[in-house]
Amino acid sequence: MIELVRVHSAENSTVSHLYIDGLFACYLLEDKIRSKKIFAKTCIPEGIYPLSLNTTAGMNSQYAPKFGRRHRGMLEIQKIPEFSLVFFHIGNYHTDTKGCPLMGSYFRKEGDDFMVLQSALAYKTWYPILVEKIKMGTGRIKVVNRLQEFNYD
């Protein structure tokens, strides 16, 4: 089972944990949770969604040269109501997401929002494992909100 568990929310961003087979994998940064969708400013709703490898989207042509033979396509979350072309990818700030989860090794709060750090490292680490899940037919992700207050201590 793959789970995206949202744990902290800020002005425009949400920090999530990615779990693979019950084990913590990495942090994710998404847009804010909103009851009404705003294009490129809203995270996907809670639910269970299939994952696939998208080899035709424009982002695929950007990632293929960076990752060479290891790249099998963009990790796409599919069948999301009112959303399309939602990919796990690299980025640091909520302005990089446009509704997609950004992978990160660490997170921190800067001002009113969160950011993720060492995004490329997290992506390179967990990409092949998620690809394998998709190939095995177990590529489904459960998205849940379990928000808690962020504390600097």
N, C-alpha and C. Protein backbone atom coordinates (compact mmCIF):
# COMPACT_ATOMS: atom_id res chain seq x y z
N MET A 1 0.85 -1.19 0.00
CA MET A 1 0.00 0.00 0.00
C MET A 1 0.89 1.23 0.00
N ILE A 2 0.50 2.21 -0.76
CA ILE A 2 1.17 3.50 -0.81
C ILE A 2 0.20 4.51 -0.22
N GLU A 3 0.68 5.30 0.74
CA GLU A 3 -0.17 6.30 1.39
C GLU A 3 0.48 7.67 1.37
N LEU A 4 -0.31 8.66 1.11
CA LEU A 4 0.06 10.06 1.23
C LEU A 4 -0.76 10.59 2.40
N VAL A 5 -0.07 10.90 3.50
CA VAL A 5 -0.76 11.34 4.71
C VAL A 5 -0.39 12.80 4.96
N ARG A 6 -1.38 13.67 4.88
CA ARG A 6 -1.15 15.10 5.10
C ARG A 6 -1.08 15.37 6.60
N VAL A 7 -0.02 16.09 7.02
CA VAL A 7 0.18 16.28 8.45
C VAL A 7 0.22 17.74 8.90
N HIS A 8 0.67 18.66 8.05
CA HIS A 8 0.75 20.07 8.43
C HIS A 8 0.24 20.95 7.29
N SER A 9 -0.49 21.99 7.65
CA SER A 9 -1.01 22.92 6.66
C SER A 9 -0.57 24.33 7.01
N ALA A 10 -0.30 25.13 6.00
CA ALA A 10 0.11 26.52 6.19
C ALA A 10 -0.69 27.41 5.24
N GLU A 11 -0.25 28.64 5.09
CA GLU A 11 -0.97 29.63 4.28
C GLU A 11 -1.32 29.10 2.88
N ASN A 12 -0.32 28.60 2.15
CA ASN A 12 -0.53 28.13 0.78
C ASN A 12 -0.02 26.72 0.53
N SER A 13 0.44 26.04 1.58
CA SER A 13 1.12 24.77 1.38
C SER A 13 0.71 23.73 2.43
N THR A 14 0.96 22.48 2.07
CA THR A 14 0.67 21.35 2.95
C THR A 14 1.86 20.39 2.92
N VAL A 15 2.29 19.93 4.08
CA VAL A 15 3.34 18.92 4.17
C VAL A 15 2.68 17.58 4.42
N SER A 16 3.16 16.59 3.68
CA SER A 16 2.63 15.23 3.80
C SER A 16 3.77 14.26 4.01
N HIS A 17 3.41 13.08 4.49
CA HIS A 17 4.35 11.96 4.59
C HIS A 17 3.96 10.96 3.52
N LEU A 18 4.96 10.38 2.86
CA LEU A 18 4.71 9.30 1.92
C LEU A 18 5.13 8.00 2.59
N TYR A 19 4.20 7.05 2.67
CA TYR A 19 4.47 5.73 3.24
C TYR A 19 4.37 4.69 2.13
N ILE A 20 5.32 3.78 2.11
CA ILE A 20 5.30 2.67 1.17
C ILE A 20 5.36 1.38 1.99
N ASP A 21 4.32 0.58 1.87
CA ASP A 21 4.19 -0.65 2.66
C ASP A 21 4.33 -0.38 4.15
N GLY A 22 3.74 0.71 4.61
CA GLY A 22 3.71 1.05 6.02
C GLY A 22 4.96 1.73 6.55
N LEU A 23 5.99 1.89 5.73
CA LEU A 23 7.23 2.53 6.17
C LEU A 23 7.34 3.94 5.60
N PHE A 24 7.80 4.87 6.43
CA PHE A 24 8.00 6.25 5.97
C PHE A 24 9.04 6.28 4.87
N ALA A 25 8.73 6.95 3.76
CA ALA A 25 9.65 7.07 2.64
C ALA A 25 10.25 8.48 2.56
N CYS A 26 9.39 9.49 2.45
CA CYS A 26 9.87 10.86 2.33
C CYS A 26 8.74 11.84 2.64
N TYR A 27 9.11 13.12 2.63
CA TYR A 27 8.12 14.18 2.79
C TYR A 27 7.62 14.59 1.42
N LEU A 28 6.41 15.12 1.39
CA LEU A 28 5.83 15.66 0.18
C LEU A 28 5.35 17.07 0.47
N LEU A 29 5.46 17.93 -0.51
CA LEU A 29 4.92 19.28 -0.40
C LEU A 29 3.83 19.42 -1.45
N GLU A 30 2.68 19.89 -0.99
CA GLU A 30 1.55 20.10 -1.89
C GLU A 30 0.98 21.49 -1.68
N ASP A 31 0.07 21.84 -2.56
CA ASP A 31 -0.68 23.08 -2.37
C ASP A 31 -1.61 22.92 -1.17
N LYS A 32 -2.28 23.98 -0.83
CA LYS A 32 -3.19 24.03 0.31
C LYS A 32 -4.41 23.14 0.09
N ILE A 33 -4.92 22.60 1.18
CA ILE A 33 -6.19 21.86 1.14
C ILE A 33 -7.31 22.90 1.04
N ARG A 34 -8.15 22.75 0.05
CA ARG A 34 -9.27 23.69 -0.13
C ARG A 34 -10.55 22.88 -0.38
N SER A 35 -11.66 23.39 0.11
CA SER A 35 -12.93 22.70 -0.13
C SER A 35 -13.39 22.90 -1.57
N LYS A 36 -12.99 24.00 -2.19
CA LYS A 36 -13.32 24.26 -3.59
C LYS A 36 -12.02 24.37 -4.37
N LYS A 37 -11.92 23.66 -5.49
CA LYS A 37 -10.71 23.63 -6.28
C LYS A 37 -10.41 24.99 -6.91
N ILE A 38 -9.17 25.40 -6.78
CA ILE A 38 -8.64 26.57 -7.48
C ILE A 38 -7.50 26.06 -8.34
N PHE A 39 -7.57 26.28 -9.63
CA PHE A 39 -6.57 25.74 -10.55
C PHE A 39 -5.15 26.07 -10.09
N ALA A 40 -4.31 25.03 -10.02
CA ALA A 40 -2.88 25.13 -9.69
C ALA A 40 -2.61 25.64 -8.27
N LYS A 41 -3.64 25.66 -7.40
CA LYS A 41 -3.45 26.14 -6.03
C LYS A 41 -4.14 25.25 -5.01
N THR A 42 -4.53 24.05 -5.43
CA THR A 42 -5.27 23.15 -4.55
C THR A 42 -4.68 21.75 -4.63
N CYS A 43 -4.49 21.11 -3.48
CA CYS A 43 -4.01 19.73 -3.49
C CYS A 43 -5.18 18.81 -3.86
N ILE A 44 -4.85 17.59 -4.24
CA ILE A 44 -5.88 16.64 -4.65
C ILE A 44 -6.72 16.22 -3.45
N PRO A 45 -7.96 15.85 -3.68
CA PRO A 45 -8.83 15.45 -2.56
C PRO A 45 -8.45 14.07 -2.01
N GLU A 46 -8.90 13.81 -0.78
CA GLU A 46 -8.71 12.50 -0.19
C GLU A 46 -9.35 11.44 -1.08
N GLY A 47 -8.77 10.26 -1.07
CA GLY A 47 -9.31 9.17 -1.87
C GLY A 47 -8.25 8.15 -2.19
N ILE A 48 -8.63 7.16 -2.98
CA ILE A 48 -7.70 6.14 -3.44
C ILE A 48 -7.63 6.24 -4.96
N TYR A 49 -6.40 6.34 -5.47
CA TYR A 49 -6.18 6.60 -6.90
C TYR A 49 -5.13 5.65 -7.47
N PRO A 50 -5.32 5.25 -8.74
CA PRO A 50 -4.29 4.44 -9.38
C PRO A 50 -3.08 5.29 -9.77
N LEU A 51 -1.91 4.66 -9.75
CA LEU A 51 -0.68 5.29 -10.23
C LEU A 51 -0.33 4.66 -11.57
N SER A 52 0.27 5.46 -12.44
CA SER A 52 0.72 4.94 -13.73
C SER A 52 1.99 5.68 -14.14
N LEU A 53 2.58 5.21 -15.22
CA LEU A 53 3.75 5.87 -15.80
C LEU A 53 3.30 6.60 -17.06
N ASN A 54 3.45 7.91 -17.07
CA ASN A 54 3.06 8.73 -18.21
C ASN A 54 4.31 9.03 -19.03
N THR A 55 4.33 8.55 -20.26
CA THR A 55 5.50 8.76 -21.13
C THR A 55 5.24 9.81 -22.21
N THR A 56 4.07 10.46 -22.18
CA THR A 56 3.74 11.40 -23.25
C THR A 56 3.65 12.85 -22.81
N ALA A 57 3.48 13.11 -21.52
CA ALA A 57 3.34 14.50 -21.05
C ALA A 57 4.65 15.26 -21.24
N GLY A 58 4.54 16.57 -21.36
CA GLY A 58 5.71 17.42 -21.56
C GLY A 58 6.76 17.28 -20.48
N MET A 59 6.33 17.06 -19.25
CA MET A 59 7.29 16.93 -18.15
C MET A 59 8.17 15.69 -18.36
N ASN A 60 7.63 14.66 -19.01
CA ASN A 60 8.41 13.46 -19.28
C ASN A 60 9.64 13.79 -20.13
N SER A 61 9.48 14.64 -21.12
CA SER A 61 10.62 14.99 -21.99
C SER A 61 11.67 15.82 -21.25
N GLN A 62 11.28 16.48 -20.16
CA GLN A 62 12.25 17.21 -19.34
C GLN A 62 13.02 16.27 -18.42
N TYR A 63 12.36 15.24 -17.91
CA TYR A 63 12.98 14.33 -16.95
C TYR A 63 13.81 13.23 -17.61
N ALA A 64 13.42 12.79 -18.79
CA ALA A 64 14.12 11.69 -19.47
C ALA A 64 15.62 11.98 -19.65
N PRO A 65 16.02 13.16 -20.12
CA PRO A 65 17.47 13.41 -20.26
C PRO A 65 18.19 13.50 -18.91
N LYS A 66 17.51 13.97 -17.88
CA LYS A 66 18.14 14.11 -16.55
C LYS A 66 18.43 12.76 -15.91
N PHE A 67 17.55 11.78 -16.12
CA PHE A 67 17.63 10.52 -15.40
C PHE A 67 17.99 9.33 -16.28
N GLY A 68 18.15 9.55 -17.57
CA GLY A 68 18.63 8.50 -18.47
C GLY A 68 17.79 7.24 -18.48
N ARG A 69 18.46 6.09 -18.54
CA ARG A 69 17.78 4.80 -18.67
C ARG A 69 16.91 4.47 -17.48
N ARG A 70 17.18 5.06 -16.33
CA ARG A 70 16.36 4.78 -15.14
C ARG A 70 14.95 5.35 -15.27
N HIS A 71 14.80 6.36 -16.13
CA HIS A 71 13.49 7.02 -16.26
C HIS A 71 12.56 6.17 -17.11
N ARG A 72 11.41 5.83 -16.55
CA ARG A 72 10.42 5.00 -17.24
C ARG A 72 9.14 5.77 -17.57
N GLY A 73 9.10 7.04 -17.20
CA GLY A 73 7.91 7.87 -17.38
C GLY A 73 7.64 8.61 -16.08
N MET A 74 6.78 9.59 -16.14
CA MET A 74 6.42 10.35 -14.95
C MET A 74 5.45 9.55 -14.11
N LEU A 75 5.65 9.58 -12.79
CA LEU A 75 4.74 8.91 -11.85
C LEU A 75 3.46 9.74 -11.77
N GLU A 76 2.41 9.24 -12.38
CA GLU A 76 1.16 10.01 -12.45
C GLU A 76 0.09 9.43 -11.52
N ILE A 77 -0.58 10.33 -10.80
CA ILE A 77 -1.75 9.95 -10.00
C ILE A 77 -2.96 10.19 -10.88
N GLN A 78 -3.71 9.14 -11.15
CA GLN A 78 -4.80 9.22 -12.13
C GLN A 78 -6.19 9.20 -11.48
N LYS A 79 -7.17 9.51 -12.33
CA LYS A 79 -8.60 9.44 -11.98
C LYS A 79 -8.97 10.32 -10.79
N ILE A 80 -8.37 11.49 -10.72
CA ILE A 80 -8.67 12.46 -9.67
C ILE A 80 -9.75 13.40 -10.21
N PRO A 81 -10.87 13.53 -9.51
CA PRO A 81 -11.93 14.43 -10.00
C PRO A 81 -11.40 15.87 -10.16
N GLU A 82 -11.66 16.46 -11.31
CA GLU A 82 -11.29 17.85 -11.63
C GLU A 82 -9.79 18.11 -11.71
N PHE A 83 -8.96 17.06 -11.74
CA PHE A 83 -7.51 17.21 -11.86
C PHE A 83 -7.02 16.29 -12.98
N SER A 84 -5.94 16.70 -13.63
CA SER A 84 -5.29 15.82 -14.60
C SER A 84 -3.80 16.14 -14.61
N LEU A 85 -3.04 15.18 -15.11
CA LEU A 85 -1.58 15.34 -15.21
C LEU A 85 -0.95 15.72 -13.88
N VAL A 86 -1.28 14.95 -12.85
CA VAL A 86 -0.73 15.16 -11.50
C VAL A 86 0.42 14.17 -11.34
N PHE A 87 1.64 14.70 -11.18
CA PHE A 87 2.84 13.88 -11.11
C PHE A 87 3.59 14.09 -9.81
N PHE A 88 4.24 13.04 -9.31
CA PHE A 88 5.27 13.21 -8.29
C PHE A 88 6.46 13.82 -9.03
N HIS A 89 7.03 14.87 -8.48
CA HIS A 89 8.20 15.43 -9.14
C HIS A 89 9.07 16.23 -8.18
N ILE A 90 10.09 16.84 -8.74
CA ILE A 90 11.09 17.59 -7.98
C ILE A 90 10.66 19.05 -7.89
N GLY A 91 10.90 19.66 -6.74
CA GLY A 91 10.64 21.08 -6.50
C GLY A 91 10.79 21.36 -5.02
N ASN A 92 10.83 22.62 -4.68
CA ASN A 92 11.06 22.99 -3.29
C ASN A 92 9.94 23.80 -2.66
N TYR A 93 9.23 24.58 -3.45
CA TYR A 93 8.24 25.53 -2.92
C TYR A 93 6.85 25.22 -3.45
N HIS A 94 5.84 25.69 -2.74
CA HIS A 94 4.46 25.45 -3.19
C HIS A 94 4.23 26.05 -4.58
N THR A 95 4.99 27.05 -4.95
CA THR A 95 4.85 27.64 -6.28
C THR A 95 5.35 26.70 -7.38
N ASP A 96 6.06 25.65 -7.02
CA ASP A 96 6.54 24.66 -7.98
C ASP A 96 5.54 23.53 -8.21
N THR A 97 4.48 23.43 -7.41
CA THR A 97 3.64 22.24 -7.44
C THR A 97 2.53 22.26 -8.48
N LYS A 98 1.76 23.31 -8.55
CA LYS A 98 0.57 23.38 -9.41
C LYS A 98 -0.35 22.16 -9.21
N GLY A 99 -0.49 21.75 -7.94
CA GLY A 99 -1.37 20.63 -7.60
C GLY A 99 -0.68 19.29 -7.51
N CYS A 100 0.62 19.23 -7.83
CA CYS A 100 1.38 17.98 -7.79
C CYS A 100 2.15 17.85 -6.48
N PRO A 101 2.35 16.63 -6.00
CA PRO A 101 3.19 16.44 -4.81
C PRO A 101 4.67 16.50 -5.18
N LEU A 102 5.41 17.33 -4.45
CA LEU A 102 6.86 17.44 -4.62
C LEU A 102 7.53 16.57 -3.57
N MET A 103 8.50 15.78 -3.96
CA MET A 103 9.18 14.87 -3.03
C MET A 103 10.34 15.61 -2.37
N GLY A 104 10.56 15.34 -1.07
CA GLY A 104 11.66 15.98 -0.36
C GLY A 104 12.20 15.10 0.76
N SER A 105 13.49 15.25 1.04
CA SER A 105 14.12 14.49 2.13
C SER A 105 13.87 15.14 3.48
N TYR A 106 13.67 16.43 3.48
CA TYR A 106 13.43 17.22 4.70
C TYR A 106 12.39 18.28 4.38
N PHE A 107 11.85 18.91 5.41
CA PHE A 107 10.99 20.06 5.20
C PHE A 107 11.29 21.10 6.26
N ARG A 108 10.90 22.32 5.98
CA ARG A 108 10.98 23.39 6.98
C ARG A 108 9.95 24.45 6.62
N LYS A 109 9.66 25.27 7.62
CA LYS A 109 8.72 26.37 7.42
C LYS A 109 9.52 27.64 7.24
N GLU A 110 9.19 28.37 6.19
CA GLU A 110 9.81 29.67 5.92
C GLU A 110 8.68 30.68 5.80
N GLY A 111 8.64 31.60 6.74
CA GLY A 111 7.54 32.57 6.74
C GLY A 111 6.23 31.86 7.01
N ASP A 112 5.27 32.07 6.12
CA ASP A 112 3.94 31.49 6.29
C ASP A 112 3.75 30.14 5.59
N ASP A 113 4.82 29.62 4.97
CA ASP A 113 4.66 28.39 4.19
C ASP A 113 5.79 27.41 4.41
N PHE A 114 5.53 26.19 3.99
CA PHE A 114 6.52 25.12 4.07
C PHE A 114 7.27 25.00 2.77
N MET A 115 8.43 24.37 2.85
CA MET A 115 9.20 23.99 1.68
C MET A 115 9.83 22.63 1.95
N VAL A 116 10.19 21.91 0.88
CA VAL A 116 10.93 20.66 1.03
C VAL A 116 12.34 20.87 0.52
N LEU A 117 13.28 20.10 1.10
CA LEU A 117 14.69 20.21 0.75
C LEU A 117 15.19 18.86 0.23
N GLN A 118 16.27 18.91 -0.51
CA GLN A 118 16.86 17.72 -1.14
C GLN A 118 15.80 16.93 -1.90
N SER A 119 15.07 17.66 -2.72
CA SER A 119 13.99 17.08 -3.49
C SER A 119 14.50 16.08 -4.53
N ALA A 120 15.56 16.42 -5.25
CA ALA A 120 16.08 15.51 -6.28
C ALA A 120 16.55 14.20 -5.65
N LEU A 121 17.17 14.27 -4.48
CA LEU A 121 17.62 13.06 -3.80
C LEU A 121 16.43 12.16 -3.44
N ALA A 122 15.39 12.75 -2.89
CA ALA A 122 14.20 11.97 -2.53
C ALA A 122 13.57 11.35 -3.78
N TYR A 123 13.49 12.12 -4.85
CA TYR A 123 12.91 11.62 -6.09
C TYR A 123 13.71 10.44 -6.63
N LYS A 124 15.03 10.60 -6.70
CA LYS A 124 15.91 9.53 -7.21
C LYS A 124 15.84 8.28 -6.33
N THR A 125 15.66 8.46 -5.04
CA THR A 125 15.61 7.33 -4.11
C THR A 125 14.31 6.55 -4.26
N TRP A 126 13.19 7.24 -4.31
CA TRP A 126 11.89 6.56 -4.25
C TRP A 126 11.25 6.30 -5.60
N TYR A 127 11.71 6.97 -6.64
CA TYR A 127 11.16 6.76 -7.99
C TYR A 127 11.20 5.28 -8.40
N PRO A 128 12.37 4.60 -8.33
CA PRO A 128 12.38 3.21 -8.79
C PRO A 128 11.49 2.27 -7.98
N ILE A 129 11.30 2.57 -6.73
CA ILE A 129 10.44 1.73 -5.89
C ILE A 129 8.98 1.91 -6.29
N LEU A 130 8.59 3.14 -6.57
CA LEU A 130 7.22 3.39 -7.02
C LEU A 130 6.99 2.82 -8.42
N VAL A 131 8.00 2.90 -9.28
CA VAL A 131 7.89 2.30 -10.62
C VAL A 131 7.65 0.79 -10.48
N GLU A 132 8.38 0.15 -9.60
CA GLU A 132 8.23 -1.29 -9.38
C GLU A 132 6.81 -1.63 -8.89
N LYS A 133 6.28 -0.80 -7.99
CA LYS A 133 4.91 -1.02 -7.50
C LYS A 133 3.91 -0.95 -8.67
N ILE A 134 4.10 0.01 -9.55
CA ILE A 134 3.22 0.16 -10.71
C ILE A 134 3.32 -1.08 -11.60
N LYS A 135 4.56 -1.51 -11.87
CA LYS A 135 4.76 -2.68 -12.73
C LYS A 135 4.19 -3.96 -12.13
N MET A 136 4.20 -4.07 -10.80
CA MET A 136 3.67 -5.25 -10.11
C MET A 136 2.14 -5.22 -10.03
N GLY A 137 1.53 -4.09 -10.42
CA GLY A 137 0.08 -3.98 -10.35
C GLY A 137 -0.43 -3.51 -9.00
N THR A 138 0.48 -3.06 -8.12
CA THR A 138 0.07 -2.58 -6.79
C THR A 138 0.24 -1.07 -6.68
N GLY A 139 0.23 -0.39 -7.79
CA GLY A 139 0.41 1.06 -7.82
C GLY A 139 -0.89 1.81 -7.59
N ARG A 140 -1.32 1.83 -6.36
CA ARG A 140 -2.49 2.63 -5.94
C ARG A 140 -2.07 3.44 -4.74
N ILE A 141 -2.57 4.67 -4.66
CA ILE A 141 -2.20 5.53 -3.55
C ILE A 141 -3.45 5.97 -2.80
N LYS A 142 -3.37 5.89 -1.48
CA LYS A 142 -4.45 6.36 -0.61
C LYS A 142 -4.02 7.72 -0.07
N VAL A 143 -4.87 8.72 -0.25
CA VAL A 143 -4.60 10.09 0.21
C VAL A 143 -5.52 10.39 1.38
N VAL A 144 -4.93 10.74 2.54
CA VAL A 144 -5.73 11.05 3.73
C VAL A 144 -5.20 12.30 4.42
N ASN A 145 -6.09 13.00 5.07
CA ASN A 145 -5.74 14.18 5.87
C ASN A 145 -5.70 13.79 7.35
N ARG A 146 -4.57 14.01 7.97
CA ARG A 146 -4.42 13.81 9.42
C ARG A 146 -3.64 15.00 9.97
N LEU A 147 -4.19 16.16 9.77
CA LEU A 147 -3.49 17.40 10.12
C LEU A 147 -3.27 17.54 11.61
N GLN A 148 -2.11 18.05 11.94
CA GLN A 148 -1.76 18.37 13.31
C GLN A 148 -1.05 19.71 13.31
N GLU A 149 -1.06 20.35 14.43
CA GLU A 149 -0.42 21.65 14.58
C GLU A 149 1.09 21.51 14.40
N PHE A 150 1.69 22.37 13.59
CA PHE A 150 3.14 22.37 13.43
C PHE A 150 3.78 23.09 14.59
N ASN A 151 4.80 22.47 15.18
CA ASN A 151 5.47 23.03 16.34
C ASN A 151 6.97 23.08 16.06
N TYR A 152 7.60 24.21 16.29
CA TYR A 152 9.03 24.35 16.04
C TYR A 152 9.88 23.59 17.05
N ASP A 153 9.33 23.26 18.21
CA ASP A 153 10.12 22.60 19.24
C ASP A 153 10.46 21.18 18.90
